């Protein structure tokens, strides 16, 4: 549901394949037409991490309700106007909630792999190591006053995947 850029090396601007559903923070690949697609069995070689969302069902901005959208005309598709998506690659550090639940139990420096666009602890699609954990799963500060973390409200996360937990990673692709 979200990607928080701590720092990045390269932010590429690539055409995104039509009819894709990609959440910000997912691992993406390039298909044979050089279009961005969610990393999967067919397009298994990871290219980078999605910096935008292409969806028809909900926002993936950090800490916002899925039904919220920035521009009504785009209907949750941040790539609609240009047909392109920001993809971070060649390193950087990020916080994300796009990981399978088993990753929440991993320690710092654990290797992460890509499986169907999500960070995983098991390399079932032969993606190779795409990232390493730099901060174990936990709540992420939002910058809004609250009571969750040291006088700050925690960011909400992708409930289906990580129950409001984020990990911080060092991107290796």
C-alpha atoms as a PDB file:
ATOM      1  CA  UNK A   1       0.000   0.000   0.000  1.00  0.00           C
ATOM      2  CA  UNK A   2       2.860   2.387   0.496  1.00  0.00           C
ATOM      3  CA  UNK A   3       6.430   3.336  -0.168  1.00  0.00           C
ATOM      4  CA  UNK A   4       8.362   5.889   1.836  1.00  0.00           C
ATOM      5  CA  UNK A   5      11.503   7.062   0.086  1.00  0.00           C
ATOM      6  CA  UNK A   6      14.274   7.531   2.642  1.00  0.00           C
ATOM      7  CA  UNK A   7      16.809   8.065  -0.131  1.00  0.00           C
ATOM      8  CA  UNK A   8      17.080   6.800  -3.680  1.00  0.00           C
ATOM      9  CA  UNK A   9      19.752   6.524  -6.336  1.00  0.00           C
ATOM     10  CA  UNK A  10      17.892   6.362  -9.665  1.00  0.00           C
ATOM     11  CA  UNK A  11      14.258   7.266 -10.303  1.00  0.00           C
ATOM     12  CA  UNK A  12      13.455   5.980 -13.783  1.00  0.00           C
ATOM     13  CA  UNK A  13      10.343   7.029 -15.700  1.00  0.00           C
ATOM     14  CA  UNK A  14       9.082   3.964 -17.602  1.00  0.00           C
ATOM     15  CA  UNK A  15       5.938   3.188 -19.626  1.00  0.00           C
ATOM     16  CA  UNK A  16       3.579   0.953 -17.670  1.00  0.00           C
ATOM     17  CA  UNK A  17       1.640  -1.887 -19.286  1.00  0.00           C
ATOM     18  CA  UNK A  18      -2.096  -1.316 -19.605  1.00  0.00           C
ATOM     19  CA  UNK A  19      -4.456  -3.301 -17.372  1.00  0.00           C
ATOM     20  CA  UNK A  20      -1.839  -3.746 -14.654  1.00  0.00           C
ATOM     21  CA  UNK A  21      -2.624  -3.374 -10.954  1.00  0.00           C
ATOM     22  CA  UNK A  22       0.557  -2.237  -9.215  1.00  0.00           C
ATOM     23  CA  UNK A  23       0.726  -0.744  -5.732  1.00  0.00           C
ATOM     24  CA  UNK A  24       3.390   1.763  -4.790  1.00  0.00           C
ATOM     25  CA  UNK A  25       6.137  -0.225  -3.017  1.00  0.00           C
ATOM     26  CA  UNK A  26       5.746  -3.431  -5.052  1.00  0.00           C
ATOM     27  CA  UNK A  27       8.687  -4.981  -6.890  1.00  0.00           C
ATOM     28  CA  UNK A  28       8.291  -4.555 -10.649  1.00  0.00           C
ATOM     29  CA  UNK A  29       9.878  -6.042 -13.763  1.00  0.00           C
ATOM     30  CA  UNK A  30      10.121  -5.050 -17.414  1.00  0.00           C
ATOM     31  CA  UNK A  31       8.282  -7.172 -19.958  1.00  0.00           C
ATOM     32  CA  UNK A  32       9.588  -7.918 -23.470  1.00  0.00           C
ATOM     33  CA  UNK A  33       8.156  -4.573 -24.672  1.00  0.00           C
ATOM     34  CA  UNK A  34      10.115  -2.661 -21.965  1.00  0.00           C
ATOM     35  CA  UNK A  35       6.892  -1.878 -20.083  1.00  0.00           C
ATOM     36  CA  UNK A  36       6.629  -1.942 -16.290  1.00  0.00           C
ATOM     37  CA  UNK A  37       4.691  -4.934 -14.953  1.00  0.00           C
ATOM     38  CA  UNK A  38       4.259  -6.380 -11.469  1.00  0.00           C
ATOM     39  CA  UNK A  39       7.087  -8.903 -10.966  1.00  0.00           C
ATOM     40  CA  UNK A  40       5.684 -12.417 -11.476  1.00  0.00           C
ATOM     41  CA  UNK A  41       6.523 -15.881 -12.809  1.00  0.00           C
ATOM     42  CA  UNK A  42       6.480 -14.708 -16.445  1.00  0.00           C
ATOM     43  CA  UNK A  43       8.454 -11.504 -15.803  1.00  0.00           C
ATOM     44  CA  UNK A  44      10.583 -12.804 -12.941  1.00  0.00           C
ATOM     45  CA  UNK A  45      13.694 -10.613 -13.216  1.00  0.00           C
ATOM     46  CA  UNK A  46      13.153  -7.658 -10.847  1.00  0.00           C
ATOM     47  CA  UNK A  47      13.852  -4.192 -12.258  1.00  0.00           C
ATOM     48  CA  UNK A  48      13.080  -1.988  -9.264  1.00  0.00           C
ATOM     49  CA  UNK A  49      10.458  -0.839  -6.788  1.00  0.00           C
ATOM     50  CA  UNK A  50       7.303   1.001  -7.901  1.00  0.00           C
ATOM     51  CA  UNK A  51       7.131   4.647  -6.879  1.00  0.00           C
ATOM     52  CA  UNK A  52       3.567   5.137  -8.150  1.00  0.00           C
ATOM     53  CA  UNK A  53       0.279   3.259  -8.061  1.00  0.00           C
ATOM     54  CA  UNK A  54      -1.678   1.976 -11.041  1.00  0.00           C
ATOM     55  CA  UNK A  55      -5.003   0.750  -9.740  1.00  0.00           C
ATOM     56  CA  UNK A  56      -8.721   0.897 -10.373  1.00  0.00           C
ATOM     57  CA  UNK A  57      -9.770   0.017  -6.836  1.00  0.00           C
ATOM     58  CA  UNK A  58      -7.912   2.172  -4.328  1.00  0.00           C
ATOM     59  CA  UNK A  59      -5.115   4.489  -3.367  1.00  0.00           C
ATOM     60  CA  UNK A  60      -1.789   3.147  -2.144  1.00  0.00           C
ATOM     61  CA  UNK A  61      -0.462   6.388  -0.692  1.00  0.00           C
ATOM     62  CA  UNK A  62       1.141   5.977   2.748  1.00  0.00           C
ATOM     63  CA  UNK A  63      -1.332   6.318   5.582  1.00  0.00           C
ATOM     64  CA  UNK A  64      -4.469   7.076   3.589  1.00  0.00           C
ATOM     65  CA  UNK A  65      -7.697   5.141   3.343  1.00  0.00           C
ATOM     66  CA  UNK A  66      -7.811   3.105   0.132  1.00  0.00           C
ATOM     67  CA  UNK A  67     -10.958   4.945  -1.030  1.00  0.00           C
ATOM     68  CA  UNK A  68      -9.232   8.346  -1.001  1.00  0.00           C
ATOM     69  CA  UNK A  69      -7.874   9.687  -4.265  1.00  0.00           C
ATOM     70  CA  UNK A  70      -5.879  12.746  -5.178  1.00  0.00           C
ATOM     71  CA  UNK A  71      -7.515  13.632  -8.502  1.00  0.00           C
ATOM     72  CA  UNK A  72     -10.966  12.256  -9.249  1.00  0.00           C
ATOM     73  CA  UNK A  73     -10.281  12.121 -12.992  1.00  0.00           C
ATOM     74  CA  UNK A  74      -7.370   9.716 -12.466  1.00  0.00           C
ATOM     75  CA  UNK A  75      -9.424   7.221 -10.417  1.00  0.00           C
ATOM     76  CA  UNK A  76      -6.478   5.836  -8.391  1.00  0.00           C
ATOM     77  CA  UNK A  77      -4.156   5.626 -11.417  1.00  0.00           C
ATOM     78  CA  UNK A  78      -1.105   7.837 -10.807  1.00  0.00           C
ATOM     79  CA  UNK A  79       0.243   6.884 -14.237  1.00  0.00           C
ATOM     80  CA  UNK A  80      -2.899   7.834 -16.150  1.00  0.00           C
ATOM     81  CA  UNK A  81      -1.794  11.205 -17.552  1.00  0.00           C
ATOM     82  CA  UNK A  82       1.630  10.125 -18.850  1.00  0.00           C
ATOM     83  CA  UNK A  83       1.269   6.348 -19.117  1.00  0.00           C
ATOM     84  CA  UNK A  84       4.540   6.127 -17.175  1.00  0.00           C
ATOM     85  CA  UNK A  85       5.529   5.028 -13.686  1.00  0.00           C
ATOM     86  CA  UNK A  86       8.398   6.049 -11.443  1.00  0.00           C
ATOM     87  CA  UNK A  87      10.587   3.029 -10.715  1.00  0.00           C
ATOM     88  CA  UNK A  88      13.452   3.290  -8.223  1.00  0.00           C
ATOM     89  CA  UNK A  89      16.450   1.082  -8.928  1.00  0.00           C
ATOM     90  CA  UNK A  90      20.221   0.874  -8.454  1.00  0.00           C
ATOM     91  CA  UNK A  91      20.005   1.172  -4.684  1.00  0.00           C
ATOM     92  CA  UNK A  92      18.470   3.324  -1.995  1.00  0.00           C
ATOM     93  CA  UNK A  93      16.639   2.879   1.279  1.00  0.00           C
ATOM     94  CA  UNK A  94      12.880   2.689   1.590  1.00  0.00           C
ATOM     95  CA  UNK A  95      10.141   1.851   4.070  1.00  0.00           C
ATOM     96  CA  UNK A  96       7.343  -0.299   2.679  1.00  0.00           C
ATOM     97  CA  UNK A  97       4.414  -2.422   3.740  1.00  0.00           C
ATOM     98  CA  UNK A  98       4.457  -4.540   0.577  1.00  0.00           C
ATOM     99  CA  UNK A  99       5.732  -7.821   2.006  1.00  0.00           C
ATOM    100  CA  UNK A 100       4.366 -11.260   2.856  1.00  0.00           C
ATOM    101  CA  UNK A 101       3.524 -11.817   6.520  1.00  0.00           C
ATOM    102  CA  UNK A 102       6.543 -14.102   7.197  1.00  0.00           C
ATOM    103  CA  UNK A 103       8.871 -11.137   6.561  1.00  0.00           C
ATOM    104  CA  UNK A 104       7.534  -9.431   9.707  1.00  0.00           C
ATOM    105  CA  UNK A 105       9.470 -12.002  11.770  1.00  0.00           C
ATOM    106  CA  UNK A 106      12.844 -11.442  10.087  1.00  0.00           C
ATOM    107  CA  UNK A 107      15.802  -9.671  11.666  1.00  0.00           C
ATOM    108  CA  UNK A 108      17.990  -6.869  10.352  1.00  0.00           C
ATOM    109  CA  UNK A 109      20.226  -7.898   7.400  1.00  0.00           C
ATOM    110  CA  UNK A 110      17.905 -10.738   6.358  1.00  0.00           C
ATOM    111  CA  UNK A 111      17.784 -11.164   2.565  1.00  0.00           C
ATOM    112  CA  UNK A 112      14.519 -10.456   0.747  1.00  0.00           C
ATOM    113  CA  UNK A 113      13.319 -11.822  -2.579  1.00  0.00           C
ATOM    114  CA  UNK A 114      10.494 -10.854  -4.959  1.00  0.00           C
ATOM    115  CA  UNK A 115       7.448 -13.110  -5.275  1.00  0.00           C
ATOM    116  CA  UNK A 116       4.483 -11.782  -7.260  1.00  0.00           C
ATOM    117  CA  UNK A 117       5.618  -8.215  -6.612  1.00  0.00           C
ATOM    118  CA  UNK A 118       5.897  -8.609  -2.835  1.00  0.00           C
ATOM    119  CA  UNK A 119       9.005  -8.880  -0.704  1.00  0.00           C
ATOM    120  CA  UNK A 120       9.357 -12.432   0.577  1.00  0.00           C
ATOM    121  CA  UNK A 121      11.662 -14.509   2.735  1.00  0.00           C
ATOM    122  CA  UNK A 122      11.674 -17.353   0.175  1.00  0.00           C
ATOM    123  CA  UNK A 123      12.995 -17.174  -3.416  1.00  0.00           C
ATOM    124  CA  UNK A 124      10.274 -19.254  -5.096  1.00  0.00           C
ATOM    125  CA  UNK A 125      10.483 -17.310  -8.395  1.00  0.00           C
ATOM    126  CA  UNK A 126      14.296 -17.286  -8.633  1.00  0.00           C
ATOM    127  CA  UNK A 127      14.436 -13.491  -8.381  1.00  0.00           C
ATOM    128  CA  UNK A 128      17.665 -13.486  -6.390  1.00  0.00           C
ATOM    129  CA  UNK A 129      18.158 -11.145  -3.456  1.00  0.00           C
ATOM    130  CA  UNK A 130      16.414  -7.828  -4.179  1.00  0.00           C
ATOM    131  CA  UNK A 131      16.814  -6.154  -0.769  1.00  0.00           C
ATOM    132  CA  UNK A 132      18.028  -6.522   2.799  1.00  0.00           C
ATOM    133  CA  UNK A 133      16.150  -5.473   5.917  1.00  0.00           C
ATOM    134  CA  UNK A 134      17.660  -2.434   7.662  1.00  0.00           C
ATOM    135  CA  UNK A 135      14.879  -2.032  10.246  1.00  0.00           C
ATOM    136  CA  UNK A 136      12.638  -4.863  11.420  1.00  0.00           C
ATOM    137  CA  UNK A 137       8.856  -4.717  11.034  1.00  0.00           C
ATOM    138  CA  UNK A 138       7.073  -2.168  13.171  1.00  0.00           C
ATOM    139  CA  UNK A 139       4.987   0.970  13.138  1.00  0.00           C
ATOM    140  CA  UNK A 140       6.123   3.914  11.031  1.00  0.00           C
ATOM    141  CA  UNK A 141       5.720   7.520  12.178  1.00  0.00           C
ATOM    142  CA  UNK A 142       3.351   9.673  10.122  1.00  0.00           C
ATOM    143  CA  UNK A 143       4.326  13.152  11.286  1.00  0.00           C
ATOM    144  CA  UNK A 144       0.804  13.712  12.618  1.00  0.00           C
ATOM    145  CA  UNK A 145       0.496  14.301  16.387  1.00  0.00           C
ATOM    146  CA  UNK A 146      -0.851  11.261  18.185  1.00  0.00           C
ATOM    147  CA  UNK A 147      -0.136   8.630  20.793  1.00  0.00           C
ATOM    148  CA  UNK A 148       1.195   5.641  18.816  1.00  0.00           C
ATOM    149  CA  UNK A 149       4.949   6.395  18.644  1.00  0.00           C
ATOM    150  CA  UNK A 150       6.641   9.070  20.755  1.00  0.00           C
ATOM    151  CA  UNK A 151       3.820  11.590  20.379  1.00  0.00           C
ATOM    152  CA  UNK A 152       3.212  10.664  16.751  1.00  0.00           C
ATOM    153  CA  UNK A 153       0.404   8.808  14.990  1.00  0.00           C
ATOM    154  CA  UNK A 154       1.467   5.621  13.177  1.00  0.00           C
ATOM    155  CA  UNK A 155       0.929   5.304   9.443  1.00  0.00           C
ATOM    156  CA  UNK A 156      -1.732   2.846   8.451  1.00  0.00           C
ATOM    157  CA  UNK A 157      -0.523   0.055   6.227  1.00  0.00           C
ATOM    158  CA  UNK A 158      -1.823  -2.626   3.926  1.00  0.00           C
ATOM    159  CA  UNK A 159      -4.060  -4.558   6.316  1.00  0.00           C
ATOM    160  CA  UNK A 160      -4.153  -7.674   4.153  1.00  0.00           C
ATOM    161  CA  UNK A 161      -0.374  -8.002   4.106  1.00  0.00           C
ATOM    162  CA  UNK A 162       1.289  -6.567   7.162  1.00  0.00           C
ATOM    163  CA  UNK A 163      -1.265  -5.243   9.669  1.00  0.00           C
ATOM    164  CA  UNK A 164       0.059  -1.648   9.778  1.00  0.00           C
ATOM    165  CA  UNK A 165       3.681  -2.718   9.922  1.00  0.00           C
ATOM    166  CA  UNK A 166       6.461  -1.355   7.735  1.00  0.00           C
ATOM    167  CA  UNK A 167       9.966  -2.632   7.169  1.00  0.00           C
ATOM    168  CA  UNK A 168      12.901  -0.526   6.088  1.00  0.00           C
ATOM    169  CA  UNK A 169      15.031  -1.981   3.326  1.00  0.00           C
ATOM    170  CA  UNK A 170      18.210  -1.390   1.403  1.00  0.00           C
ATOM    171  CA  UNK A 171      17.342  -1.955  -2.254  1.00  0.00           C
ATOM    172  CA  UNK A 172      19.925  -4.119  -4.057  1.00  0.00           C
ATOM    173  CA  UNK A 173      18.498  -4.017  -7.596  1.00  0.00           C
END
